[in-house]
Amino acid sequence: MRGMIYKDLCLFFKGFDKVVLAVLGGILAVFWFESGVYAGMLFSFALDMMLGILHLTALEKEEKTGWRSYQRTMPVGVGKVMAGKYAAVLLTVPVSVAGAVVSNLASFAVYGTFLPEALELSVAAAVIVPPVFAMFSLPFYYWFGNQIAQFTSFPLAFLLFFAIKNFEDGKWAVADLEGLVSLAGDPGFLLLMGALALAGMFLLSLALSAAGYRWGRR
């Protein structure tokens, strides 16, 4: 299983090609000139979305090489295959968290204003967004193939883009989110419930992917 995790991580990091770096550079330039002290937070959101897309890119490379057919000949059960795949997804979370921290510190270095709430939201999104992309797309990949997985991930990308755009337009702000959290109840309880909900969705996604690996598209 360690070999499969290593393979998935290699495919993920190889996705950082010139095109991806150019897109991230363009996004960084736009936010830097238009978003002021929130540039770091918004860039970290865009990075989260890009990392989620890179997980799909890794799946596309697997499909092009016919990896699943080869993998079925290996003496590895479906449980280990799925555990390795989802473990690799979780092991990439530190990349997005590091991106959130660095981008917010860079924004502080440039503008001289540090916003703890922006850093907290950036880190929260870094922990949530890339795995959600992956756990949403993986079952579609194992049941229907990579093209369907990419198509069904578009709504998630649109929602994140919509949130970023609304923030730029001033339709919501960090303070507004803090007010909503305070109205909803104890932040610690909300955090626990959110973590449990994510864990439940992650396990459900794993189960659906395992079923797709057994009986889905070959």
N, C-alpha and C. Protein backbone atom coordinates (compact mmCIF):
# COMPACT_ATOMS: atom_id res chain seq x y z
N MET A 1 0.83 -1.21 0.00
CA MET A 1 0.00 0.00 0.00
C MET A 1 0.86 1.26 0.00
N ARG A 2 2.02 1.18 0.66
CA ARG A 2 2.90 2.35 0.69
C ARG A 2 3.37 2.74 -0.71
N GLY A 3 3.60 1.71 -1.56
CA GLY A 3 3.99 2.00 -2.94
C GLY A 3 2.91 2.73 -3.71
N MET A 4 1.64 2.36 -3.48
CA MET A 4 0.54 3.03 -4.17
C MET A 4 0.36 4.46 -3.67
N ILE A 5 0.56 4.66 -2.37
CA ILE A 5 0.49 6.01 -1.83
C ILE A 5 1.59 6.87 -2.45
N TYR A 6 2.78 6.31 -2.53
CA TYR A 6 3.90 7.04 -3.14
C TYR A 6 3.60 7.38 -4.59
N LYS A 7 3.02 6.42 -5.32
CA LYS A 7 2.66 6.67 -6.72
C LYS A 7 1.65 7.82 -6.84
N ASP A 8 0.63 7.81 -5.98
CA ASP A 8 -0.40 8.86 -6.03
C ASP A 8 0.20 10.23 -5.69
N LEU A 9 1.09 10.26 -4.71
CA LEU A 9 1.72 11.53 -4.34
C LEU A 9 2.62 12.04 -5.46
N CYS A 10 3.32 11.13 -6.14
CA CYS A 10 4.17 11.55 -7.26
C CYS A 10 3.33 12.14 -8.38
N LEU A 11 2.19 11.50 -8.70
CA LEU A 11 1.32 12.03 -9.74
C LEU A 11 0.77 13.39 -9.35
N PHE A 12 0.44 13.55 -8.08
CA PHE A 12 -0.11 14.82 -7.61
C PHE A 12 0.92 15.94 -7.78
N PHE A 13 2.14 15.72 -7.30
CA PHE A 13 3.14 16.78 -7.34
C PHE A 13 3.65 17.04 -8.76
N LYS A 14 3.59 16.03 -9.62
CA LYS A 14 3.97 16.26 -11.01
C LYS A 14 2.94 17.12 -11.75
N GLY A 15 1.77 17.28 -11.14
CA GLY A 15 0.76 18.14 -11.75
C GLY A 15 1.12 19.61 -11.70
N PHE A 16 2.12 19.97 -10.87
CA PHE A 16 2.56 21.37 -10.78
C PHE A 16 3.47 21.67 -11.98
N ASP A 17 2.87 21.76 -13.15
CA ASP A 17 3.66 22.04 -14.34
C ASP A 17 3.65 23.55 -14.62
N LYS A 18 4.18 23.93 -15.76
CA LYS A 18 4.29 25.34 -16.12
C LYS A 18 2.94 26.02 -16.24
N VAL A 19 1.95 25.29 -16.76
CA VAL A 19 0.61 25.88 -16.93
C VAL A 19 0.00 26.21 -15.58
N VAL A 20 0.06 25.27 -14.64
CA VAL A 20 -0.50 25.49 -13.31
C VAL A 20 0.20 26.65 -12.61
N LEU A 21 1.52 26.69 -12.69
CA LEU A 21 2.26 27.78 -12.06
C LEU A 21 1.94 29.13 -12.70
N ALA A 22 1.75 29.14 -14.02
CA ALA A 22 1.39 30.38 -14.71
C ALA A 22 0.01 30.87 -14.28
N VAL A 23 -0.94 29.94 -14.15
CA VAL A 23 -2.29 30.31 -13.71
C VAL A 23 -2.25 30.86 -12.29
N LEU A 24 -1.54 30.18 -11.40
CA LEU A 24 -1.43 30.67 -10.03
C LEU A 24 -0.74 32.03 -9.97
N GLY A 25 0.26 32.23 -10.81
CA GLY A 25 0.93 33.53 -10.85
C GLY A 25 -0.01 34.64 -11.29
N GLY A 26 -0.83 34.36 -12.30
CA GLY A 26 -1.81 35.36 -12.75
C GLY A 26 -2.83 35.67 -11.69
N ILE A 27 -3.32 34.63 -11.01
CA ILE A 27 -4.29 34.84 -9.93
C ILE A 27 -3.66 35.68 -8.82
N LEU A 28 -2.42 35.37 -8.47
CA LEU A 28 -1.73 36.12 -7.43
C LEU A 28 -1.60 37.59 -7.79
N ALA A 29 -1.25 37.87 -9.05
CA ALA A 29 -1.09 39.26 -9.48
C ALA A 29 -2.41 40.02 -9.39
N VAL A 30 -3.51 39.39 -9.82
CA VAL A 30 -4.82 40.04 -9.78
C VAL A 30 -5.22 40.36 -8.34
N PHE A 31 -5.11 39.38 -7.45
CA PHE A 31 -5.50 39.60 -6.06
C PHE A 31 -4.60 40.63 -5.39
N TRP A 32 -3.30 40.61 -5.73
CA TRP A 32 -2.36 41.51 -5.09
C TRP A 32 -2.68 42.97 -5.37
N PHE A 33 -3.15 43.24 -6.57
CA PHE A 33 -3.43 44.63 -6.96
C PHE A 33 -4.86 45.06 -6.64
N GLU A 34 -5.77 44.11 -6.45
CA GLU A 34 -7.18 44.49 -6.30
C GLU A 34 -7.76 44.18 -4.92
N SER A 35 -7.16 43.28 -4.16
CA SER A 35 -7.80 42.81 -2.93
C SER A 35 -7.15 43.31 -1.66
N GLY A 36 -6.06 44.04 -1.76
CA GLY A 36 -5.44 44.64 -0.58
C GLY A 36 -5.04 43.62 0.46
N VAL A 37 -5.40 43.88 1.72
CA VAL A 37 -4.96 43.03 2.83
C VAL A 37 -5.55 41.63 2.76
N TYR A 38 -6.60 41.45 1.96
CA TYR A 38 -7.22 40.13 1.83
C TYR A 38 -6.63 39.32 0.68
N ALA A 39 -5.60 39.84 0.04
CA ALA A 39 -5.02 39.16 -1.12
C ALA A 39 -4.52 37.76 -0.76
N GLY A 40 -3.85 37.66 0.40
CA GLY A 40 -3.31 36.37 0.81
C GLY A 40 -4.40 35.34 1.03
N MET A 41 -5.48 35.73 1.67
CA MET A 41 -6.58 34.81 1.93
C MET A 41 -7.23 34.35 0.63
N LEU A 42 -7.50 35.29 -0.25
CA LEU A 42 -8.15 34.93 -1.51
C LEU A 42 -7.26 34.06 -2.38
N PHE A 43 -5.96 34.35 -2.37
CA PHE A 43 -5.04 33.51 -3.14
C PHE A 43 -5.01 32.09 -2.56
N SER A 44 -5.06 31.97 -1.24
CA SER A 44 -5.06 30.64 -0.64
C SER A 44 -6.32 29.87 -1.02
N PHE A 45 -7.47 30.57 -1.15
CA PHE A 45 -8.69 29.91 -1.61
C PHE A 45 -8.52 29.39 -3.03
N ALA A 46 -7.94 30.23 -3.89
CA ALA A 46 -7.70 29.81 -5.28
C ALA A 46 -6.73 28.63 -5.33
N LEU A 47 -5.72 28.63 -4.46
CA LEU A 47 -4.78 27.52 -4.40
C LEU A 47 -5.48 26.23 -3.97
N ASP A 48 -6.39 26.34 -3.01
CA ASP A 48 -7.15 25.16 -2.58
C ASP A 48 -7.92 24.55 -3.75
N MET A 49 -8.56 25.41 -4.53
CA MET A 49 -9.32 24.94 -5.68
C MET A 49 -8.39 24.28 -6.69
N MET A 50 -7.23 24.88 -6.91
CA MET A 50 -6.28 24.31 -7.86
C MET A 50 -5.77 22.95 -7.39
N LEU A 51 -5.52 22.80 -6.10
CA LEU A 51 -5.05 21.52 -5.58
C LEU A 51 -6.13 20.46 -5.73
N GLY A 52 -7.38 20.84 -5.54
CA GLY A 52 -8.46 19.89 -5.77
C GLY A 52 -8.50 19.43 -7.22
N ILE A 53 -8.26 20.35 -8.14
CA ILE A 53 -8.23 19.99 -9.56
C ILE A 53 -7.04 19.09 -9.87
N LEU A 54 -5.91 19.29 -9.17
CA LEU A 54 -4.74 18.45 -9.41
C LEU A 54 -5.01 16.99 -9.04
N HIS A 55 -5.87 16.76 -8.05
CA HIS A 55 -6.24 15.38 -7.75
C HIS A 55 -6.95 14.75 -8.95
N LEU A 56 -7.78 15.52 -9.63
CA LEU A 56 -8.45 15.02 -10.83
C LEU A 56 -7.45 14.78 -11.96
N THR A 57 -6.45 15.65 -12.05
CA THR A 57 -5.41 15.47 -13.06
C THR A 57 -4.66 14.16 -12.86
N ALA A 58 -4.40 13.83 -11.60
CA ALA A 58 -3.72 12.56 -11.30
C ALA A 58 -4.59 11.38 -11.73
N LEU A 59 -5.90 11.49 -11.54
CA LEU A 59 -6.80 10.42 -11.98
C LEU A 59 -6.79 10.28 -13.50
N GLU A 60 -6.71 11.42 -14.18
CA GLU A 60 -6.67 11.39 -15.65
C GLU A 60 -5.42 10.65 -16.14
N LYS A 61 -4.29 10.89 -15.49
CA LYS A 61 -3.06 10.20 -15.87
C LYS A 61 -3.19 8.70 -15.64
N GLU A 62 -3.84 8.32 -14.55
CA GLU A 62 -4.06 6.90 -14.29
C GLU A 62 -4.89 6.27 -15.39
N GLU A 63 -5.94 6.97 -15.80
CA GLU A 63 -6.84 6.40 -16.81
C GLU A 63 -6.14 6.28 -18.16
N LYS A 64 -5.31 7.25 -18.51
CA LYS A 64 -4.62 7.21 -19.80
C LYS A 64 -3.62 6.05 -19.87
N THR A 65 -3.05 5.69 -18.74
CA THR A 65 -2.06 4.61 -18.73
C THR A 65 -2.68 3.24 -18.44
N GLY A 66 -4.00 3.20 -18.25
CA GLY A 66 -4.66 1.94 -17.95
C GLY A 66 -4.23 1.34 -16.63
N TRP A 67 -3.93 2.21 -15.65
CA TRP A 67 -3.41 1.74 -14.38
C TRP A 67 -4.37 0.82 -13.65
N ARG A 68 -5.69 1.10 -13.74
CA ARG A 68 -6.63 0.29 -12.98
C ARG A 68 -6.61 -1.17 -13.43
N SER A 69 -6.49 -1.40 -14.74
CA SER A 69 -6.43 -2.77 -15.24
C SER A 69 -5.19 -3.48 -14.73
N TYR A 70 -4.07 -2.77 -14.70
CA TYR A 70 -2.83 -3.36 -14.18
C TYR A 70 -2.94 -3.61 -12.69
N GLN A 71 -3.57 -2.68 -11.98
CA GLN A 71 -3.67 -2.79 -10.53
C GLN A 71 -4.49 -4.01 -10.12
N ARG A 72 -5.47 -4.38 -10.95
CA ARG A 72 -6.31 -5.53 -10.63
C ARG A 72 -5.51 -6.84 -10.68
N THR A 73 -4.38 -6.85 -11.34
CA THR A 73 -3.56 -8.06 -11.40
C THR A 73 -2.65 -8.19 -10.19
N MET A 74 -2.57 -7.15 -9.38
CA MET A 74 -1.69 -7.16 -8.22
C MET A 74 -2.38 -7.83 -7.03
N PRO A 75 -1.63 -8.49 -6.17
CA PRO A 75 -2.22 -9.16 -5.00
C PRO A 75 -2.56 -8.18 -3.88
N VAL A 76 -3.38 -7.20 -4.22
CA VAL A 76 -3.77 -6.17 -3.26
C VAL A 76 -5.29 -6.06 -3.28
N GLY A 77 -5.91 -6.20 -2.12
CA GLY A 77 -7.36 -6.14 -2.04
C GLY A 77 -7.90 -4.74 -2.24
N VAL A 78 -9.20 -4.67 -2.50
CA VAL A 78 -9.83 -3.38 -2.76
C VAL A 78 -9.73 -2.46 -1.55
N GLY A 79 -9.75 -3.04 -0.34
CA GLY A 79 -9.65 -2.22 0.86
C GLY A 79 -8.35 -1.46 0.93
N LYS A 80 -7.24 -2.13 0.63
CA LYS A 80 -5.94 -1.47 0.66
C LYS A 80 -5.80 -0.47 -0.48
N VAL A 81 -6.38 -0.81 -1.64
CA VAL A 81 -6.33 0.12 -2.77
C VAL A 81 -7.01 1.44 -2.41
N MET A 82 -8.22 1.35 -1.84
CA MET A 82 -8.96 2.55 -1.49
C MET A 82 -8.32 3.29 -0.32
N ALA A 83 -7.84 2.53 0.67
CA ALA A 83 -7.19 3.17 1.81
C ALA A 83 -5.96 3.95 1.36
N GLY A 84 -5.20 3.37 0.43
CA GLY A 84 -4.02 4.07 -0.09
C GLY A 84 -4.39 5.33 -0.85
N LYS A 85 -5.44 5.24 -1.67
CA LYS A 85 -5.86 6.40 -2.46
C LYS A 85 -6.31 7.55 -1.55
N TYR A 86 -7.14 7.25 -0.56
CA TYR A 86 -7.65 8.31 0.31
C TYR A 86 -6.58 8.80 1.28
N ALA A 87 -5.67 7.92 1.67
CA ALA A 87 -4.55 8.37 2.51
C ALA A 87 -3.68 9.37 1.77
N ALA A 88 -3.46 9.12 0.48
CA ALA A 88 -2.67 10.05 -0.33
C ALA A 88 -3.35 11.41 -0.41
N VAL A 89 -4.67 11.41 -0.50
CA VAL A 89 -5.41 12.68 -0.52
C VAL A 89 -5.16 13.46 0.78
N LEU A 90 -5.27 12.78 1.91
CA LEU A 90 -5.07 13.45 3.19
C LEU A 90 -3.63 13.93 3.37
N LEU A 91 -2.68 13.19 2.80
CA LEU A 91 -1.28 13.58 2.94
C LEU A 91 -0.92 14.83 2.13
N THR A 92 -1.80 15.24 1.22
CA THR A 92 -1.55 16.48 0.47
C THR A 92 -2.13 17.71 1.18
N VAL A 93 -2.90 17.49 2.25
CA VAL A 93 -3.49 18.63 2.96
C VAL A 93 -2.42 19.59 3.50
N PRO A 94 -1.29 19.10 4.04
CA PRO A 94 -0.26 20.05 4.51
C PRO A 94 0.21 21.02 3.43
N VAL A 95 0.11 20.62 2.16
CA VAL A 95 0.52 21.53 1.08
C VAL A 95 -0.40 22.75 1.04
N SER A 96 -1.71 22.51 1.11
CA SER A 96 -2.66 23.63 1.07
C SER A 96 -2.60 24.45 2.35
N VAL A 97 -2.36 23.79 3.49
CA VAL A 97 -2.24 24.53 4.75
C VAL A 97 -1.00 25.42 4.72
N ALA A 98 0.11 24.89 4.24
CA ALA A 98 1.32 25.70 4.12
C ALA A 98 1.10 26.87 3.18
N GLY A 99 0.37 26.63 2.09
CA GLY A 99 0.07 27.71 1.16
C GLY A 99 -0.77 28.80 1.81
N ALA A 100 -1.72 28.40 2.66
CA ALA A 100 -2.56 29.37 3.36
C ALA A 100 -1.73 30.23 4.30
N VAL A 101 -0.85 29.60 5.06
CA VAL A 101 -0.03 30.33 6.02
C VAL A 101 0.94 31.28 5.31
N VAL A 102 1.63 30.77 4.30
CA VAL A 102 2.61 31.58 3.59
C VAL A 102 1.95 32.76 2.87
N SER A 103 0.82 32.52 2.22
CA SER A 103 0.16 33.61 1.48
C SER A 103 -0.34 34.70 2.41
N ASN A 104 -0.86 34.32 3.57
CA ASN A 104 -1.31 35.35 4.53
C ASN A 104 -0.14 36.10 5.15
N LEU A 105 0.96 35.41 5.44
CA LEU A 105 2.14 36.10 5.96
C LEU A 105 2.74 37.04 4.91
N ALA A 106 2.71 36.61 3.64
CA ALA A 106 3.20 37.48 2.57
C ALA A 106 2.34 38.73 2.45
N SER A 107 1.02 38.57 2.59
CA SER A 107 0.13 39.72 2.55
C SER A 107 0.43 40.68 3.71
N PHE A 108 0.70 40.12 4.87
CA PHE A 108 1.06 40.94 6.03
C PHE A 108 2.37 41.69 5.79
N ALA A 109 3.34 41.01 5.16
CA ALA A 109 4.63 41.64 4.89
C ALA A 109 4.49 42.81 3.93
N VAL A 110 3.57 42.69 2.97
CA VAL A 110 3.41 43.74 1.97
C VAL A 110 2.56 44.90 2.50
N TYR A 111 1.43 44.58 3.15
CA TYR A 111 0.48 45.62 3.54
C TYR A 111 0.61 46.05 5.00
N GLY A 112 1.34 45.28 5.81
CA GLY A 112 1.55 45.67 7.20
C GLY A 112 0.35 45.48 8.09
N THR A 113 -0.65 44.76 7.64
CA THR A 113 -1.86 44.50 8.43
C THR A 113 -2.07 43.00 8.54
N PHE A 114 -2.07 42.48 9.75
CA PHE A 114 -2.27 41.05 9.96
C PHE A 114 -3.70 40.81 10.43
N LEU A 115 -4.40 39.92 9.76
CA LEU A 115 -5.79 39.61 10.08
C LEU A 115 -5.89 38.16 10.55
N PRO A 116 -5.93 37.93 11.87
CA PRO A 116 -6.01 36.55 12.37
C PRO A 116 -7.21 35.79 11.83
N GLU A 117 -8.36 36.49 11.69
CA GLU A 117 -9.55 35.81 11.20
C GLU A 117 -9.39 35.36 9.76
N ALA A 118 -8.65 36.15 8.96
CA ALA A 118 -8.40 35.75 7.57
C ALA A 118 -7.51 34.51 7.52
N LEU A 119 -6.51 34.46 8.39
CA LEU A 119 -5.64 33.28 8.45
C LEU A 119 -6.43 32.06 8.89
N GLU A 120 -7.32 32.22 9.88
CA GLU A 120 -8.12 31.09 10.35
C GLU A 120 -9.01 30.55 9.24
N LEU A 121 -9.66 31.45 8.49
CA LEU A 121 -10.51 31.00 7.39
C LEU A 121 -9.68 30.34 6.30
N SER A 122 -8.50 30.87 6.04
CA SER A 122 -7.63 30.29 5.01
C SER A 122 -7.22 28.87 5.38
N VAL A 123 -6.82 28.68 6.64
CA VAL A 123 -6.41 27.34 7.08
C VAL A 123 -7.59 26.38 7.07
N ALA A 124 -8.76 26.86 7.50
CA ALA A 124 -9.95 26.00 7.49
C ALA A 124 -10.28 25.55 6.08
N ALA A 125 -10.24 26.49 5.14
CA ALA A 125 -10.52 26.14 3.75
C ALA A 125 -9.45 25.20 3.20
N ALA A 126 -8.20 25.40 3.61
CA ALA A 126 -7.11 24.55 3.14
C ALA A 126 -7.28 23.11 3.60
N VAL A 127 -7.85 22.93 4.78
CA VAL A 127 -8.08 21.58 5.31
C VAL A 127 -9.29 20.93 4.65
N ILE A 128 -10.28 21.75 4.28
CA ILE A 128 -11.56 21.20 3.82
C ILE A 128 -11.64 21.06 2.30
N VAL A 129 -11.27 22.10 1.56
CA VAL A 129 -11.58 22.15 0.13
C VAL A 129 -10.92 21.05 -0.70
N PRO A 130 -9.58 20.88 -0.66
CA PRO A 130 -8.98 19.84 -1.51
C PRO A 130 -9.51 18.43 -1.23
N PRO A 131 -9.64 18.00 0.06
CA PRO A 131 -10.21 16.67 0.29
C PRO A 131 -11.66 16.54 -0.17
N VAL A 132 -12.44 17.64 -0.04
CA VAL A 132 -13.82 17.58 -0.50
C VAL A 132 -13.87 17.39 -2.02
N PHE A 133 -13.00 18.10 -2.74
CA PHE A 133 -12.90 17.89 -4.18
C PHE A 133 -12.64 16.42 -4.49
N ALA A 134 -11.67 15.86 -3.78
CA ALA A 134 -11.27 14.48 -4.05
C ALA A 134 -12.36 13.49 -3.66
N MET A 135 -12.93 13.63 -2.48
CA MET A 135 -13.91 12.65 -2.04
C MET A 135 -15.22 12.76 -2.82
N PHE A 136 -15.46 13.91 -3.44
CA PHE A 136 -16.63 14.05 -4.30
C PHE A 136 -16.38 13.41 -5.66
N SER A 137 -15.16 13.54 -6.18
CA SER A 137 -14.87 13.07 -7.54
C SER A 137 -14.47 11.61 -7.61
N LEU A 138 -13.85 11.07 -6.57
CA LEU A 138 -13.35 9.70 -6.63
C LEU A 138 -14.45 8.66 -6.91
N PRO A 139 -15.61 8.71 -6.24
CA PRO A 139 -16.65 7.72 -6.58
C PRO A 139 -17.08 7.81 -8.04
N PHE A 140 -17.21 9.03 -8.57
CA PHE A 140 -17.57 9.16 -9.98
C PHE A 140 -16.48 8.57 -10.87
N TYR A 141 -15.24 8.74 -10.48
CA TYR A 141 -14.15 8.20 -11.28
C TYR A 141 -14.21 6.68 -11.33
N TYR A 142 -14.40 6.05 -10.18
CA TYR A 142 -14.39 4.59 -10.15
C TYR A 142 -15.66 3.98 -10.75
N TRP A 143 -16.75 4.72 -10.76
CA TRP A 143 -17.97 4.19 -11.37
C TRP A 143 -18.07 4.50 -12.86
N PHE A 144 -17.67 5.72 -13.25
CA PHE A 144 -17.96 6.17 -14.61
C PHE A 144 -16.75 6.64 -15.42
N GLY A 145 -15.59 6.81 -14.79
CA GLY A 145 -14.42 7.26 -15.53
C GLY A 145 -14.08 8.70 -15.23
N ASN A 146 -12.92 9.12 -15.71
CA ASN A 146 -12.38 10.43 -15.35
C ASN A 146 -13.17 11.60 -15.95
N GLN A 147 -13.67 11.45 -17.16
CA GLN A 147 -14.39 12.57 -17.79
C GLN A 147 -15.64 12.93 -16.99
N ILE A 148 -16.38 11.92 -16.55
CA ILE A 148 -17.57 12.19 -15.73
C ILE A 148 -17.15 12.80 -14.40
N ALA A 149 -16.06 12.32 -13.82
CA ALA A 149 -15.57 12.87 -12.54
C ALA A 149 -15.23 14.35 -12.69
N GLN A 150 -14.59 14.71 -13.80
CA GLN A 150 -14.24 16.11 -14.02
C GLN A 150 -15.50 16.96 -14.20
N PHE A 151 -16.45 16.44 -14.94
CA PHE A 151 -17.68 17.19 -15.20
C PHE A 151 -18.46 17.45 -13.91
N THR A 152 -18.55 16.43 -13.05
CA THR A 152 -19.32 16.60 -11.82
C THR A 152 -18.60 17.46 -10.80
N SER A 153 -17.31 17.72 -10.98
CA SER A 153 -16.59 18.59 -10.04
C SER A 153 -16.78 20.07 -10.37
N PHE A 154 -17.32 20.38 -11.53
CA PHE A 154 -17.49 21.78 -11.92
C PHE A 154 -18.34 22.58 -10.93
N PRO A 155 -19.46 22.01 -10.41
CA PRO A 155 -20.25 22.80 -9.44
C PRO A 155 -19.46 23.22 -8.21
N LEU A 156 -18.57 22.35 -7.72
CA LEU A 156 -17.75 22.72 -6.56
C LEU A 156 -16.82 23.88 -6.89
N ALA A 157 -16.19 23.80 -8.05
CA ALA A 157 -15.31 24.89 -8.47
C ALA A 157 -16.09 26.19 -8.65
N PHE A 158 -17.29 26.09 -9.19
CA PHE A 158 -18.12 27.29 -9.39
C PHE A 158 -18.51 27.92 -8.06
N LEU A 159 -18.88 27.10 -7.07
CA LEU A 159 -19.29 27.63 -5.77
C LEU A 159 -18.14 28.37 -5.10
N LEU A 160 -16.93 27.81 -5.19
CA LEU A 160 -15.79 28.49 -4.58
C LEU A 160 -15.47 29.78 -5.32
N PHE A 161 -15.52 29.75 -6.65
CA PHE A 161 -15.29 30.97 -7.43
C PHE A 161 -16.34 32.02 -7.10
N PHE A 162 -17.61 31.59 -6.94
CA PHE A 162 -18.70 32.50 -6.61
C PHE A 162 -18.45 33.16 -5.25
N ALA A 163 -17.96 32.38 -4.28
CA ALA A 163 -17.69 32.94 -2.95
C ALA A 163 -16.56 33.97 -3.02
N ILE A 164 -15.51 33.65 -3.78
CA ILE A 164 -14.40 34.60 -3.92
C ILE A 164 -14.86 35.87 -4.61
N LYS A 165 -15.64 35.74 -5.65
CA LYS A 165 -16.12 36.90 -6.40
C LYS A 165 -17.01 37.78 -5.53
N ASN A 166 -17.89 37.18 -4.74
CA ASN A 166 -18.75 37.96 -3.87
C ASN A 166 -17.94 38.69 -2.80
N PHE A 167 -16.86 38.08 -2.34
CA PHE A 167 -16.02 38.76 -1.37
C PHE A 167 -15.37 39.98 -2.01
N GLU A 168 -14.87 39.82 -3.24
CA GLU A 168 -14.24 40.95 -3.93
C GLU A 168 -15.23 42.08 -4.15
N ASP A 169 -16.49 41.73 -4.40
CA ASP A 169 -17.51 42.75 -4.67
C ASP A 169 -18.05 43.38 -3.39
N GLY A 170 -17.57 42.91 -2.23
CA GLY A 170 -18.00 43.49 -0.96
C GLY A 170 -19.33 42.98 -0.47
N LYS A 171 -19.82 41.85 -1.01
CA LYS A 171 -21.12 41.34 -0.59
C LYS A 171 -21.07 40.59 0.72
N TRP A 172 -19.88 40.18 1.14
CA TRP A 172 -19.69 39.60 2.46
C TRP A 172 -18.26 39.86 2.89
N ALA A 173 -18.02 39.72 4.16
CA ALA A 173 -16.69 39.99 4.70
C ALA A 173 -16.40 39.01 5.83
N VAL A 174 -15.16 38.99 6.28
CA VAL A 174 -14.77 38.09 7.36
C VAL A 174 -15.60 38.36 8.60
N ALA A 175 -15.82 39.64 8.90
CA ALA A 175 -16.60 39.99 10.08
C ALA A 175 -18.02 39.43 9.99
N ASP A 176 -18.61 39.43 8.79
CA ASP A 176 -19.95 38.88 8.62
C ASP A 176 -19.98 37.40 8.97
N LEU A 177 -18.96 36.65 8.54
CA LEU A 177 -18.90 35.23 8.84
C LEU A 177 -18.77 34.99 10.34
N GLU A 178 -17.96 35.81 11.00
CA GLU A 178 -17.82 35.66 12.44
C GLU A 178 -19.15 35.92 13.15
N GLY A 179 -19.92 36.89 12.65
CA GLY A 179 -21.23 37.15 13.24
C GLY A 179 -22.17 35.98 13.07
N LEU A 180 -22.14 35.35 11.89
CA LEU A 180 -23.00 34.18 11.67
C LEU A 180 -22.63 33.03 12.58
N VAL A 181 -21.33 32.84 12.78
CA VAL A 181 -20.89 31.76 13.67
C VAL A 181 -21.34 32.00 15.09
N SER A 182 -21.24 33.26 15.55
CA SER A 182 -21.64 33.57 16.92
C SER A 182 -23.14 33.39 17.11
N LEU A 183 -23.93 33.66 16.08
CA LEU A 183 -25.36 33.46 16.17
C LEU A 183 -25.72 31.98 16.14
N ALA A 184 -24.95 31.19 15.44
CA ALA A 184 -25.27 29.77 15.28
C ALA A 184 -25.02 28.98 16.57
N GLY A 185 -24.10 29.42 17.41
CA GLY A 185 -23.84 28.69 18.64
C GLY A 185 -22.37 28.63 18.97
N ASP A 186 -22.04 27.70 19.85
CA ASP A 186 -20.67 27.55 20.33
C ASP A 186 -19.75 27.16 19.19
N PRO A 187 -18.67 27.93 18.93
CA PRO A 187 -17.76 27.60 17.82
C PRO A 187 -17.11 26.24 17.98
N GLY A 188 -16.77 25.85 19.23
CA GLY A 188 -16.17 24.55 19.45
C GLY A 188 -17.10 23.41 19.06
N PHE A 189 -18.37 23.56 19.42
CA PHE A 189 -19.36 22.53 19.07
C PHE A 189 -19.56 22.46 17.56
N LEU A 190 -19.61 23.64 16.91
CA LEU A 190 -19.76 23.67 15.45
C LEU A 190 -18.56 23.03 14.77
N LEU A 191 -17.36 23.28 15.31
CA LEU A 191 -16.16 22.69 14.74
C LEU A 191 -16.19 21.17 14.86
N LEU A 192 -16.62 20.67 16.02
CA LEU A 192 -16.71 19.22 16.23
C LEU A 192 -17.73 18.61 15.28
N MET A 193 -18.91 19.23 15.17
CA MET A 193 -19.93 18.71 14.28
C MET A 193 -19.47 18.73 12.82
N GLY A 194 -18.77 19.80 12.45
CA GLY A 194 -18.26 19.88 11.09
C GLY A 194 -17.23 18.80 10.81
N ALA A 195 -16.34 18.55 11.79
CA ALA A 195 -15.33 17.50 11.62
C ALA A 195 -15.97 16.13 11.50
N LEU A 196 -16.98 15.87 12.32
CA LEU A 196 -17.68 14.58 12.26
C LEU A 196 -18.41 14.42 10.93
N ALA A 197 -19.02 15.51 10.45
CA ALA A 197 -19.72 15.44 9.17
C ALA A 197 -18.75 15.16 8.03
N LEU A 198 -17.60 15.83 8.05
CA LEU A 198 -16.60 15.59 7.01
C LEU A 198 -16.07 14.16 7.06
N ALA A 199 -15.84 13.66 8.28
CA ALA A 199 -15.35 12.28 8.42
C ALA A 199 -16.39 11.30 7.89
N GLY A 200 -17.67 11.56 8.19
CA GLY A 200 -18.72 10.69 7.68
C GLY A 200 -18.80 10.70 6.16
N MET A 201 -18.69 11.89 5.56
CA MET A 201 -18.72 11.98 4.10
C MET A 201 -17.50 11.32 3.48
N PHE A 202 -16.37 11.44 4.17
CA PHE A 202 -15.14 10.82 3.67
C PHE A 202 -15.28 9.30 3.64
N LEU A 203 -15.83 8.72 4.71
CA LEU A 203 -16.03 7.27 4.77
C LEU A 203 -17.07 6.82 3.74
N LEU A 204 -18.13 7.61 3.57
CA LEU A 204 -19.13 7.27 2.57
C LEU A 204 -18.52 7.30 1.17
N SER A 205 -17.71 8.31 0.89
CA SER A 205 -17.04 8.39 -0.40
C SER A 205 -16.14 7.18 -0.62
N LEU A 206 -15.42 6.78 0.43
CA LEU A 206 -14.53 5.62 0.32
C LEU A 206 -15.32 4.36 0.00
N ALA A 207 -16.46 4.19 0.67
CA ALA A 207 -17.30 3.01 0.43
C ALA A 207 -17.84 3.00 -1.00
N LEU A 208 -18.28 4.15 -1.49
CA LEU A 208 -18.80 4.23 -2.85
C LEU A 208 -17.69 3.97 -3.87
N SER A 209 -16.49 4.49 -3.60
CA SER A 209 -15.37 4.25 -4.50
C SER A 209 -15.00 2.77 -4.54
N ALA A 210 -15.02 2.13 -3.37
CA ALA A 210 -14.71 0.70 -3.32
C ALA A 210 -15.73 -0.11 -4.12
N ALA A 211 -17.01 0.26 -4.01
CA ALA A 211 -18.03 -0.43 -4.80
C ALA A 211 -17.82 -0.18 -6.28
N GLY A 212 -17.46 1.05 -6.63
CA GLY A 212 -17.20 1.35 -8.05
C GLY A 212 -15.99 0.61 -8.58
N TYR A 213 -14.98 0.44 -7.73
CA TYR A 213 -13.78 -0.29 -8.12
C TYR A 213 -14.13 -1.75 -8.42
N ARG A 214 -15.06 -2.30 -7.67
CA ARG A 214 -15.47 -3.70 -7.86
C ARG A 214 -16.40 -3.87 -9.07
N TRP A 215 -17.39 -2.99 -9.17
CA TRP A 215 -18.47 -3.23 -10.14
C TRP A 215 -18.67 -2.12 -11.16
N GLY A 216 -17.91 -1.05 -11.06
CA GLY A 216 -18.11 0.08 -11.95
C GLY A 216 -17.42 -0.11 -13.29
N ARG A 217 -17.22 1.02 -13.97
CA ARG A 217 -16.60 1.02 -15.30
C ARG A 217 -15.21 0.45 -15.24
N ARG A 218 -14.92 -0.51 -16.14
CA ARG A 218 -13.61 -1.17 -16.15
C ARG A 218 -12.58 -0.34 -16.90
